[in-house]
Amino acid sequence: MTKKEDIDEKLGKWNEIFDELTLDAKSLIKDIRDMISYIAFCAMLMLMIGVAAISIAVLRQMEAKYIATSIIVFSIMAGNAYLLIRKWLDFRIRYNRLYSLQNKIESE
């Protein structure tokens, strides 16, 4: 197969994908926004779990080893929450243009 034929075949496959996406673009954009919001929710949930772990250990005046364990749990949760928030910001910036285009098209 020549390079030209290979490119034409790939373009044909991509056109099939784009045709399918254009049929259901509005719900796809909504789904993407919902998934991005879910990432932020998970990050906040992780932070709350970490804070709860420390709070329980401190308020119940547990031994030092339990407080240290709760600090480790908080650190792990806070690290994961940080990564999720960074990913949330990246996605939000990247896909906000898509949402803006949808609003622009609907308002015309």
C-alpha atoms as a PDB file:
ATOM      1  CA  MET A   1       0.000   0.000   0.000  1.00  0.00           C
ATOM      2  CA  THR A   2       1.371   3.427  -0.926  1.00  0.00           C
ATOM      3  CA  LYS A   3       1.628   6.266   1.493  1.00  0.00           C
ATOM      4  CA  LYS A   4      -1.176   8.153  -0.289  1.00  0.00           C
ATOM      5  CA  GLU A   5      -3.532   5.167   0.014  1.00  0.00           C
ATOM      6  CA  ASP A   6      -2.615   4.768   3.675  1.00  0.00           C
ATOM      7  CA  ILE A   7      -3.406   8.424   4.361  1.00  0.00           C
ATOM      8  CA  ASP A   8      -6.696   8.185   2.467  1.00  0.00           C
ATOM      9  CA  GLU A   9      -7.685   5.113   4.490  1.00  0.00           C
ATOM     10  CA  LYS A  10      -6.888   6.862   7.779  1.00  0.00           C
ATOM     11  CA  LEU A  11      -8.816   9.965   6.707  1.00  0.00           C
ATOM     12  CA  GLY A  12     -11.805   7.783   5.867  1.00  0.00           C
ATOM     13  CA  LYS A  13     -11.753   6.256   9.348  1.00  0.00           C
ATOM     14  CA  TRP A  14     -11.434   9.673  10.980  1.00  0.00           C
ATOM     15  CA  ASN A  15     -14.346  10.973   8.895  1.00  0.00           C
ATOM     16  CA  GLU A  16     -16.502   8.117  10.218  1.00  0.00           C
ATOM     17  CA  ILE A  17     -15.587   9.103  13.771  1.00  0.00           C
ATOM     18  CA  PHE A  18     -16.310  12.789  13.155  1.00  0.00           C
ATOM     19  CA  ASP A  19     -19.632  11.990  11.490  1.00  0.00           C
ATOM     20  CA  GLU A  20     -20.681  10.022  14.572  1.00  0.00           C
ATOM     21  CA  LEU A  21     -19.519  12.787  16.927  1.00  0.00           C
ATOM     22  CA  THR A  22     -21.450  15.501  15.095  1.00  0.00           C
ATOM     23  CA  LEU A  23     -24.677  13.563  15.521  1.00  0.00           C
ATOM     24  CA  ASP A  24     -24.390  13.577  19.301  1.00  0.00           C
ATOM     25  CA  ALA A  25     -22.108  16.561  19.995  1.00  0.00           C
ATOM     26  CA  LYS A  26     -24.371  18.283  22.541  1.00  0.00           C
ATOM     27  CA  SER A  27     -24.607  15.283  24.865  1.00  0.00           C
ATOM     28  CA  LEU A  28     -20.890  14.562  24.404  1.00  0.00           C
ATOM     29  CA  ILE A  29     -20.000  18.076  25.567  1.00  0.00           C
ATOM     30  CA  LYS A  30     -22.356  17.712  28.552  1.00  0.00           C
ATOM     31  CA  ASP A  31     -20.762  14.375  29.456  1.00  0.00           C
ATOM     32  CA  ILE A  32     -17.283  15.886  29.280  1.00  0.00           C
ATOM     33  CA  ARG A  33     -18.326  18.759  31.571  1.00  0.00           C
ATOM     34  CA  ASP A  34     -19.869  16.300  34.040  1.00  0.00           C
ATOM     35  CA  MET A  35     -16.688  14.205  34.099  1.00  0.00           C
ATOM     36  CA  ILE A  36     -14.571  17.295  34.690  1.00  0.00           C
ATOM     37  CA  SER A  37     -16.820  18.327  37.594  1.00  0.00           C
ATOM     38  CA  TYR A  38     -16.563  14.822  39.029  1.00  0.00           C
ATOM     39  CA  ILE A  39     -12.765  15.131  39.122  1.00  0.00           C
ATOM     40  CA  ALA A  40     -13.071  18.284  41.255  1.00  0.00           C
ATOM     41  CA  PHE A  41     -15.593  16.549  43.535  1.00  0.00           C
ATOM     42  CA  CYS A  42     -13.208  13.606  44.043  1.00  0.00           C
ATOM     43  CA  ALA A  43     -10.355  15.957  44.915  1.00  0.00           C
ATOM     44  CA  MET A  44     -12.459  17.706  47.566  1.00  0.00           C
ATOM     45  CA  LEU A  45     -13.621  14.356  48.931  1.00  0.00           C
ATOM     46  CA  MET A  46     -10.013  13.193  49.278  1.00  0.00           C
ATOM     47  CA  LEU A  47      -9.088  16.335  51.188  1.00  0.00           C
ATOM     48  CA  MET A  48     -12.055  15.889  53.519  1.00  0.00           C
ATOM     49  CA  ILE A  49     -11.096  12.262  54.203  1.00  0.00           C
ATOM     50  CA  GLY A  50      -7.555  13.339  55.067  1.00  0.00           C
ATOM     51  CA  VAL A  51      -8.751  16.116  57.369  1.00  0.00           C
ATOM     52  CA  ALA A  52     -11.207  13.709  59.004  1.00  0.00           C
ATOM     53  CA  ALA A  53      -8.412  11.202  59.663  1.00  0.00           C
ATOM     54  CA  ILE A  54      -6.338  13.811  61.488  1.00  0.00           C
ATOM     55  CA  SER A  55      -9.348  15.279  63.306  1.00  0.00           C
ATOM     56  CA  ILE A  56     -10.475  11.913  64.648  1.00  0.00           C
ATOM     57  CA  ALA A  57      -6.989  11.029  65.884  1.00  0.00           C
ATOM     58  CA  VAL A  58      -6.457  14.414  67.555  1.00  0.00           C
ATOM     59  CA  LEU A  59      -9.956  14.892  69.015  1.00  0.00           C
ATOM     60  CA  ARG A  60     -10.005  11.397  70.500  1.00  0.00           C
ATOM     61  CA  GLN A  61      -6.554  12.036  71.961  1.00  0.00           C
ATOM     62  CA  MET A  62      -5.131   8.880  70.491  1.00  0.00           C
ATOM     63  CA  GLU A  63      -1.555   7.702  70.879  1.00  0.00           C
ATOM     64  CA  ALA A  64       1.206   9.295  68.831  1.00  0.00           C
ATOM     65  CA  LYS A  65       1.416   6.338  66.446  1.00  0.00           C
ATOM     66  CA  TYR A  66      -2.248   6.832  65.464  1.00  0.00           C
ATOM     67  CA  ILE A  67      -1.758  10.561  64.979  1.00  0.00           C
ATOM     68  CA  ALA A  68       1.326   9.855  62.846  1.00  0.00           C
ATOM     69  CA  THR A  69      -0.675   7.350  60.803  1.00  0.00           C
ATOM     70  CA  SER A  70      -3.444   9.889  60.308  1.00  0.00           C
ATOM     71  CA  ILE A  71      -0.891  12.453  59.128  1.00  0.00           C
ATOM     72  CA  ILE A  72       0.429   9.918  56.612  1.00  0.00           C
ATOM     73  CA  VAL A  73      -3.133   9.265  55.419  1.00  0.00           C
ATOM     74  CA  PHE A  74      -3.720  13.012  55.100  1.00  0.00           C
ATOM     75  CA  SER A  75      -0.466  13.469  53.163  1.00  0.00           C
ATOM     76  CA  ILE A  76      -1.363  10.726  50.698  1.00  0.00           C
ATOM     77  CA  MET A  77      -4.881  12.088  50.241  1.00  0.00           C
ATOM     78  CA  ALA A  78      -3.635  15.675  49.859  1.00  0.00           C
ATOM     79  CA  GLY A  79      -1.051  14.588  47.270  1.00  0.00           C
ATOM     80  CA  ASN A  80      -3.687  12.768  45.252  1.00  0.00           C
ATOM     81  CA  ALA A  81      -6.078  15.698  45.596  1.00  0.00           C
ATOM     82  CA  TYR A  82      -3.362  18.039  44.309  1.00  0.00           C
ATOM     83  CA  LEU A  83      -2.835  15.854  41.235  1.00  0.00           C
ATOM     84  CA  LEU A  84      -6.582  15.693  40.625  1.00  0.00           C
ATOM     85  CA  ILE A  85      -6.972  19.458  40.934  1.00  0.00           C
ATOM     86  CA  ARG A  86      -4.143  19.983  38.423  1.00  0.00           C
ATOM     87  CA  LYS A  87      -5.827  17.553  36.026  1.00  0.00           C
ATOM     88  CA  TRP A  88      -9.177  19.286  36.613  1.00  0.00           C
ATOM     89  CA  LEU A  89      -7.652  22.668  35.741  1.00  0.00           C
ATOM     90  CA  ASP A  90      -6.019  21.260  32.600  1.00  0.00           C
ATOM     91  CA  PHE A  91      -9.274  19.683  31.433  1.00  0.00           C
ATOM     92  CA  ARG A  92     -11.317  22.740  32.311  1.00  0.00           C
ATOM     93  CA  ILE A  93      -9.066  25.023  30.280  1.00  0.00           C
ATOM     94  CA  ARG A  94      -8.862  22.579  27.375  1.00  0.00           C
ATOM     95  CA  TYR A  95     -12.577  21.836  27.105  1.00  0.00           C
ATOM     96  CA  ASN A  96     -13.944  25.251  28.072  1.00  0.00           C
ATOM     97  CA  ARG A  97     -13.403  26.335  24.459  1.00  0.00           C
ATOM     98  CA  LEU A  98     -15.587  23.457  23.344  1.00  0.00           C
ATOM     99  CA  TYR A  99     -18.367  24.531  25.693  1.00  0.00           C
ATOM    100  CA  SER A 100     -18.015  28.151  24.535  1.00  0.00           C
ATOM    101  CA  LEU A 101     -18.336  27.069  20.904  1.00  0.00           C
ATOM    102  CA  GLN A 102     -21.466  25.094  21.749  1.00  0.00           C
ATOM    103  CA  ASN A 103     -23.010  28.136  23.436  1.00  0.00           C
ATOM    104  CA  LYS A 104     -22.072  30.317  20.479  1.00  0.00           C
ATOM    105  CA  ILE A 105     -23.654  27.877  18.010  1.00  0.00           C
ATOM    106  CA  GLU A 106     -26.839  27.563  20.076  1.00  0.00           C
ATOM    107  CA  SER A 107     -27.207  31.340  20.411  1.00  0.00           C
ATOM    108  CA  GLU A 108     -27.063  31.878  16.629  1.00  0.00           C
END
